[in-house]
Amino acid sequence: MVIENLKDAIVFLDTAPLIYFIEGHSEFHDKLEKLFRLNDENHFKFITSAITLLEVLVKPLKDGETIIANSIKQFLQMQ
């Protein structure tokens, strides 16, 4: 499926792409940036799971980065 064909769709956002986006993973960054921009522009909606939230928070919490963890949590709960 082409990103542009997601108009009004509901898209499940799994852990790996979210972590790649947060960390700026170079191989996927351009595609993920486009995906998140289209989501910001309300072309479609993301859904995710509590498991994804927990998996994304593991590293920041383990490293004592509570500000980053709180930012991620707030971002995901806003969507």
N, C-alpha and C. Protein backbone atom coordinates (compact mmCIF):
# COMPACT_ATOMS: atom_id res chain seq x y z
N MET A 1 0.85 -1.19 0.00
CA MET A 1 0.00 0.00 0.00
C MET A 1 0.88 1.24 0.00
N VAL A 2 0.55 2.18 -0.83
CA VAL A 2 1.28 3.44 -0.93
C VAL A 2 0.75 4.38 0.15
N ILE A 3 1.66 5.13 0.76
CA ILE A 3 1.28 6.03 1.86
C ILE A 3 0.15 6.97 1.45
N GLU A 4 0.22 7.48 0.24
CA GLU A 4 -0.79 8.44 -0.21
C GLU A 4 -2.18 7.83 -0.30
N ASN A 5 -2.28 6.50 -0.36
CA ASN A 5 -3.57 5.83 -0.47
C ASN A 5 -4.23 5.56 0.88
N LEU A 6 -3.74 6.17 1.93
CA LEU A 6 -4.27 5.92 3.27
C LEU A 6 -5.36 6.90 3.68
N LYS A 7 -5.85 7.70 2.77
CA LYS A 7 -6.84 8.72 3.10
C LYS A 7 -7.98 8.14 3.93
N ASP A 8 -8.19 8.75 5.11
CA ASP A 8 -9.25 8.39 6.05
C ASP A 8 -9.14 6.98 6.63
N ALA A 9 -7.98 6.34 6.47
CA ALA A 9 -7.79 4.99 7.01
C ALA A 9 -7.42 5.05 8.49
N ILE A 10 -7.52 3.91 9.14
CA ILE A 10 -7.01 3.74 10.49
C ILE A 10 -5.81 2.81 10.36
N VAL A 11 -4.65 3.29 10.80
CA VAL A 11 -3.39 2.58 10.60
C VAL A 11 -2.83 2.17 11.96
N PHE A 12 -2.55 0.87 12.13
CA PHE A 12 -1.94 0.40 13.37
C PHE A 12 -0.46 0.74 13.35
N LEU A 13 -0.01 1.42 14.39
CA LEU A 13 1.39 1.80 14.52
C LEU A 13 2.06 0.85 15.51
N ASP A 14 2.95 0.01 15.00
CA ASP A 14 3.64 -0.96 15.84
C ASP A 14 4.88 -0.32 16.46
N THR A 15 5.52 -1.05 17.34
CA THR A 15 6.65 -0.53 18.12
C THR A 15 7.86 -0.16 17.27
N ALA A 16 8.29 -1.05 16.39
CA ALA A 16 9.53 -0.82 15.64
C ALA A 16 9.53 0.48 14.85
N PRO A 17 8.50 0.75 14.03
CA PRO A 17 8.54 2.01 13.29
C PRO A 17 8.52 3.24 14.19
N LEU A 18 7.84 3.13 15.31
CA LEU A 18 7.80 4.25 16.24
C LEU A 18 9.18 4.50 16.84
N ILE A 19 9.86 3.45 17.25
CA ILE A 19 11.22 3.60 17.78
C ILE A 19 12.17 4.10 16.70
N TYR A 20 12.05 3.57 15.50
CA TYR A 20 12.90 4.05 14.40
C TYR A 20 12.69 5.54 14.17
N PHE A 21 11.45 5.99 14.24
CA PHE A 21 11.16 7.41 14.03
C PHE A 21 11.73 8.25 15.16
N ILE A 22 11.52 7.83 16.39
CA ILE A 22 12.02 8.57 17.55
C ILE A 22 13.54 8.68 17.50
N GLU A 23 14.20 7.59 17.13
CA GLU A 23 15.66 7.56 17.11
C GLU A 23 16.24 8.11 15.80
N GLY A 24 15.40 8.43 14.83
CA GLY A 24 15.89 8.96 13.56
C GLY A 24 16.66 7.93 12.75
N HIS A 25 16.24 6.68 12.80
CA HIS A 25 16.90 5.59 12.07
C HIS A 25 17.02 5.97 10.60
N SER A 26 18.25 6.06 10.11
CA SER A 26 18.50 6.63 8.79
C SER A 26 17.86 5.86 7.64
N GLU A 27 17.81 4.54 7.71
CA GLU A 27 17.28 3.75 6.59
C GLU A 27 15.79 4.02 6.36
N PHE A 28 15.05 4.29 7.43
CA PHE A 28 13.60 4.45 7.32
C PHE A 28 13.12 5.87 7.58
N HIS A 29 14.03 6.76 7.91
CA HIS A 29 13.63 8.09 8.39
C HIS A 29 12.74 8.84 7.40
N ASP A 30 13.11 8.90 6.14
CA ASP A 30 12.34 9.68 5.16
C ASP A 30 10.90 9.17 5.03
N LYS A 31 10.74 7.85 4.94
CA LYS A 31 9.40 7.28 4.81
C LYS A 31 8.58 7.51 6.08
N LEU A 32 9.21 7.32 7.24
CA LEU A 32 8.48 7.52 8.50
C LEU A 32 8.14 8.98 8.72
N GLU A 33 9.05 9.87 8.34
CA GLU A 33 8.77 11.29 8.48
C GLU A 33 7.55 11.68 7.64
N LYS A 34 7.48 11.15 6.44
CA LYS A 34 6.33 11.41 5.57
C LYS A 34 5.05 10.84 6.18
N LEU A 35 5.14 9.63 6.71
CA LEU A 35 3.98 9.00 7.33
C LEU A 35 3.47 9.82 8.52
N PHE A 36 4.37 10.25 9.39
CA PHE A 36 3.97 11.04 10.55
C PHE A 36 3.46 12.42 10.15
N ARG A 37 4.02 13.00 9.10
CA ARG A 37 3.53 14.30 8.62
C ARG A 37 2.11 14.18 8.10
N LEU A 38 1.84 13.15 7.31
CA LEU A 38 0.48 12.94 6.80
C LEU A 38 -0.50 12.68 7.93
N ASN A 39 -0.04 11.97 8.96
CA ASN A 39 -0.89 11.77 10.13
C ASN A 39 -1.18 13.10 10.82
N ASP A 40 -0.16 13.93 10.96
CA ASP A 40 -0.34 15.25 11.57
C ASP A 40 -1.32 16.11 10.77
N GLU A 41 -1.36 15.90 9.47
CA GLU A 41 -2.26 16.66 8.58
C GLU A 41 -3.63 16.00 8.48
N ASN A 42 -3.90 15.01 9.33
CA ASN A 42 -5.20 14.34 9.42
C ASN A 42 -5.61 13.58 8.17
N HIS A 43 -4.65 13.05 7.44
CA HIS A 43 -4.97 12.22 6.28
C HIS A 43 -5.48 10.84 6.72
N PHE A 44 -5.05 10.40 7.89
CA PHE A 44 -5.48 9.12 8.45
C PHE A 44 -5.21 9.17 9.95
N LYS A 45 -5.65 8.13 10.66
CA LYS A 45 -5.45 8.07 12.11
C LYS A 45 -4.58 6.87 12.45
N PHE A 46 -3.69 7.09 13.42
CA PHE A 46 -2.92 6.00 13.99
C PHE A 46 -3.67 5.41 15.17
N ILE A 47 -3.57 4.11 15.32
CA ILE A 47 -3.92 3.47 16.57
C ILE A 47 -2.72 2.63 16.97
N THR A 48 -2.60 2.34 18.23
CA THR A 48 -1.52 1.51 18.72
C THR A 48 -2.01 0.77 19.94
N SER A 49 -1.13 0.10 20.63
CA SER A 49 -1.55 -0.68 21.79
C SER A 49 -0.80 -0.25 23.04
N ALA A 50 -1.31 -0.68 24.17
CA ALA A 50 -0.62 -0.42 25.43
C ALA A 50 0.74 -1.09 25.43
N ILE A 51 0.85 -2.23 24.76
CA ILE A 51 2.13 -2.93 24.68
C ILE A 51 3.16 -2.08 23.94
N THR A 52 2.74 -1.42 22.86
CA THR A 52 3.63 -0.53 22.14
C THR A 52 4.12 0.59 23.04
N LEU A 53 3.20 1.19 23.78
CA LEU A 53 3.58 2.26 24.71
C LEU A 53 4.63 1.76 25.69
N LEU A 54 4.40 0.60 26.28
CA LEU A 54 5.35 0.06 27.24
C LEU A 54 6.71 -0.24 26.60
N GLU A 55 6.69 -0.82 25.40
CA GLU A 55 7.95 -1.15 24.73
C GLU A 55 8.75 0.10 24.37
N VAL A 56 8.07 1.15 23.97
CA VAL A 56 8.75 2.39 23.61
C VAL A 56 9.34 3.08 24.85
N LEU A 57 8.71 2.88 25.99
CA LEU A 57 9.16 3.54 27.21
C LEU A 57 10.30 2.81 27.92
N VAL A 58 10.57 1.56 27.58
CA VAL A 58 11.57 0.77 28.30
C VAL A 58 12.93 1.46 28.34
N LYS A 59 13.48 1.83 27.20
CA LYS A 59 14.83 2.40 27.17
C LYS A 59 14.91 3.74 27.90
N PRO A 60 14.03 4.70 27.62
CA PRO A 60 14.14 5.96 28.37
C PRO A 60 14.01 5.77 29.88
N LEU A 61 13.11 4.92 30.31
CA LEU A 61 12.94 4.71 31.75
C LEU A 61 14.15 3.98 32.34
N LYS A 62 14.68 3.01 31.61
CA LYS A 62 15.87 2.28 32.07
C LYS A 62 17.06 3.22 32.20
N ASP A 63 17.15 4.19 31.28
CA ASP A 63 18.26 5.15 31.29
C ASP A 63 18.00 6.34 32.21
N GLY A 64 16.85 6.35 32.90
CA GLY A 64 16.52 7.46 33.80
C GLY A 64 16.09 8.73 33.09
N GLU A 65 15.71 8.61 31.83
CA GLU A 65 15.29 9.77 31.01
C GLU A 65 13.78 9.98 31.16
N THR A 66 13.36 10.43 32.32
CA THR A 66 11.93 10.58 32.59
C THR A 66 11.29 11.66 31.73
N ILE A 67 12.03 12.69 31.39
CA ILE A 67 11.46 13.76 30.53
C ILE A 67 11.13 13.19 29.16
N ILE A 68 12.05 12.41 28.59
CA ILE A 68 11.79 11.79 27.29
C ILE A 68 10.63 10.81 27.39
N ALA A 69 10.63 9.99 28.43
CA ALA A 69 9.54 9.02 28.62
C ALA A 69 8.20 9.73 28.74
N ASN A 70 8.14 10.81 29.50
CA ASN A 70 6.89 11.56 29.64
C ASN A 70 6.46 12.19 28.33
N SER A 71 7.42 12.67 27.54
CA SER A 71 7.09 13.26 26.23
C SER A 71 6.50 12.20 25.29
N ILE A 72 7.10 11.03 25.27
CA ILE A 72 6.61 9.94 24.42
C ILE A 72 5.21 9.53 24.87
N LYS A 73 5.04 9.38 26.17
CA LYS A 73 3.74 8.98 26.71
C LYS A 73 2.67 10.01 26.36
N GLN A 74 2.98 11.27 26.53
CA GLN A 74 2.03 12.34 26.21
C GLN A 74 1.69 12.34 24.73
N PHE A 75 2.71 12.20 23.88
CA PHE A 75 2.50 12.19 22.43
C PHE A 75 1.57 11.05 22.02
N LEU A 76 1.83 9.86 22.52
CA LEU A 76 1.02 8.70 22.12
C LEU A 76 -0.39 8.77 22.66
N GLN A 77 -0.58 9.34 23.81
CA GLN A 77 -1.92 9.43 24.37
C GLN A 77 -2.74 10.55 23.74
N MET A 78 -2.09 11.51 23.10
CA MET A 78 -2.79 12.61 22.42
C MET A 78 -3.44 12.13 21.13
N GLN A 79 -2.81 11.20 20.49
CA GLN A 79 -3.22 10.81 19.15
C GLN A 79 -4.60 10.27 19.13
